[in-house]
């Protein structure tokens, strides 16, 4: 998907997407080490999974096309607040939905 899909870059994450072969949207997550501790990586993974579970996937199921979305976390996301991360991801997904 990193090579084939379309991309939307935000300050905190890169979002890649393409049409899904499944009838439901799916989300994948890449959290590179970037020199941070495993505790920090696990925290950011939990936050992004929760954003996906509670906001992103329900929104795509209701309004959007069936997309496979891959979220790749960038270095500034490790220090971002939850609300800031949520806003960046949802803005990226809105851009993805408007481009498909």
Protein backbone atom coordinates (compact mmCIF):
# COMPACT_ATOMS: atom_id res chain seq x y z
CA UNK A 1 0.00 0.00 0.00
CA UNK A 2 2.91 2.36 0.65
CA UNK A 3 3.84 2.23 -3.04
CA UNK A 4 0.44 1.74 -4.66
CA UNK A 5 -1.95 3.84 -2.61
CA UNK A 6 -2.60 7.56 -2.52
CA UNK A 7 -1.05 9.57 0.31
CA UNK A 8 -2.06 12.44 2.54
CA UNK A 9 0.64 13.89 4.75
CA UNK A 10 -0.12 15.69 7.99
CA UNK A 11 2.29 17.03 10.57
CA UNK A 12 1.80 14.00 12.81
CA UNK A 13 1.08 11.14 10.42
CA UNK A 14 1.19 9.97 6.83
CA UNK A 15 -2.05 8.37 5.66
CA UNK A 16 -2.09 5.97 2.73
CA UNK A 17 -5.28 4.59 1.26
CA UNK A 18 -6.74 2.58 -1.57
CA UNK A 19 -10.04 0.94 -2.36
CA UNK A 20 -10.70 -2.09 -0.22
CA UNK A 21 -11.38 -5.52 -1.63
CA UNK A 22 -13.50 -6.18 1.47
CA UNK A 23 -16.98 -4.72 1.99
CA UNK A 24 -15.84 -2.89 5.15
CA UNK A 25 -13.10 -0.31 5.71
CA UNK A 26 -9.91 -1.49 7.40
CA UNK A 27 -7.11 0.31 9.21
CA UNK A 28 -3.43 -0.56 9.54
CA UNK A 29 -0.81 1.11 11.69
CA UNK A 30 2.96 1.64 11.38
CA UNK A 31 4.79 3.10 14.36
CA UNK A 32 8.53 3.32 13.63
CA UNK A 33 11.00 3.22 16.53
CA UNK A 34 12.60 6.59 15.72
CA UNK A 35 14.80 6.27 18.81
CA UNK A 36 11.91 6.19 21.31
CA UNK A 37 11.33 3.65 24.07
CA UNK A 38 8.87 0.78 23.67
CA UNK A 39 6.64 2.41 26.31
CA UNK A 40 6.29 5.48 24.09
CA UNK A 41 5.61 3.36 21.01
CA UNK A 42 2.94 1.36 22.81
CA UNK A 43 1.26 4.55 24.06
CA UNK A 44 1.03 6.02 20.56
CA UNK A 45 -0.26 2.69 19.17
CA UNK A 46 -3.00 2.56 21.82
CA UNK A 47 -4.00 6.14 21.08
CA UNK A 48 -4.19 5.65 17.31
CA UNK A 49 -6.07 2.35 17.65
CA UNK A 50 -8.63 4.08 19.88
CA UNK A 51 -9.03 6.94 17.40
CA UNK A 52 -9.54 4.38 14.65
CA UNK A 53 -12.01 2.30 16.64
CA UNK A 54 -14.08 5.15 18.01
CA UNK A 55 -13.95 7.80 15.26
CA UNK A 56 -12.34 6.79 11.98
CA UNK A 57 -13.85 3.40 11.13
CA UNK A 58 -17.44 4.28 12.17
CA UNK A 59 -17.23 7.46 10.08
CA UNK A 60 -16.01 5.52 7.06
CA UNK A 61 -18.71 2.87 7.50
CA UNK A 62 -21.45 5.51 7.51
CA UNK A 63 -20.31 8.03 4.93
CA UNK A 64 -17.24 6.96 3.08
CA UNK A 65 -16.25 4.44 0.50
CA UNK A 66 -14.73 1.10 1.46
CA UNK A 67 -11.09 2.06 1.98
CA UNK A 68 -8.04 0.36 3.38
CA UNK A 69 -6.20 3.04 5.35
CA UNK A 70 -2.64 2.76 6.61
CA UNK A 71 -1.48 5.29 9.20
CA UNK A 72 2.26 5.81 9.53
CA UNK A 73 3.19 7.84 12.59
CA UNK A 74 5.76 10.62 12.23
CA UNK A 75 8.24 11.81 14.85
CA UNK A 76 6.20 14.83 16.17
CA UNK A 77 3.29 12.50 17.03
CA UNK A 78 5.22 11.05 19.96
CA UNK A 79 4.97 14.39 21.77
CA UNK A 80 1.49 15.41 20.59
CA UNK A 81 -1.57 15.47 22.82
CA UNK A 82 -4.38 13.01 22.15
CA UNK A 83 -6.72 15.70 20.81
CA UNK A 84 -4.06 17.01 18.44
CA UNK A 85 -3.34 13.50 17.13
CA UNK A 86 -7.05 12.82 16.71
CA UNK A 87 -7.56 16.04 14.75
CA UNK A 88 -4.60 15.36 12.44
CA UNK A 89 -5.76 11.83 11.64
CA UNK A 90 -9.37 12.81 11.04
CA UNK A 91 -8.33 15.71 8.78
CA UNK A 92 -6.19 13.33 6.78
CA UNK A 93 -9.05 10.88 6.43
CA UNK A 94 -11.43 13.63 5.34
CA UNK A 95 -8.94 14.57 2.63
CA UNK A 96 -8.69 10.91 1.60
CA UNK A 97 -12.48 10.60 1.34
CA UNK A 98 -12.77 13.76 -0.72
CA UNK A 99 -10.06 12.56 -3.14
CA UNK A 100 -11.73 9.20 -3.86
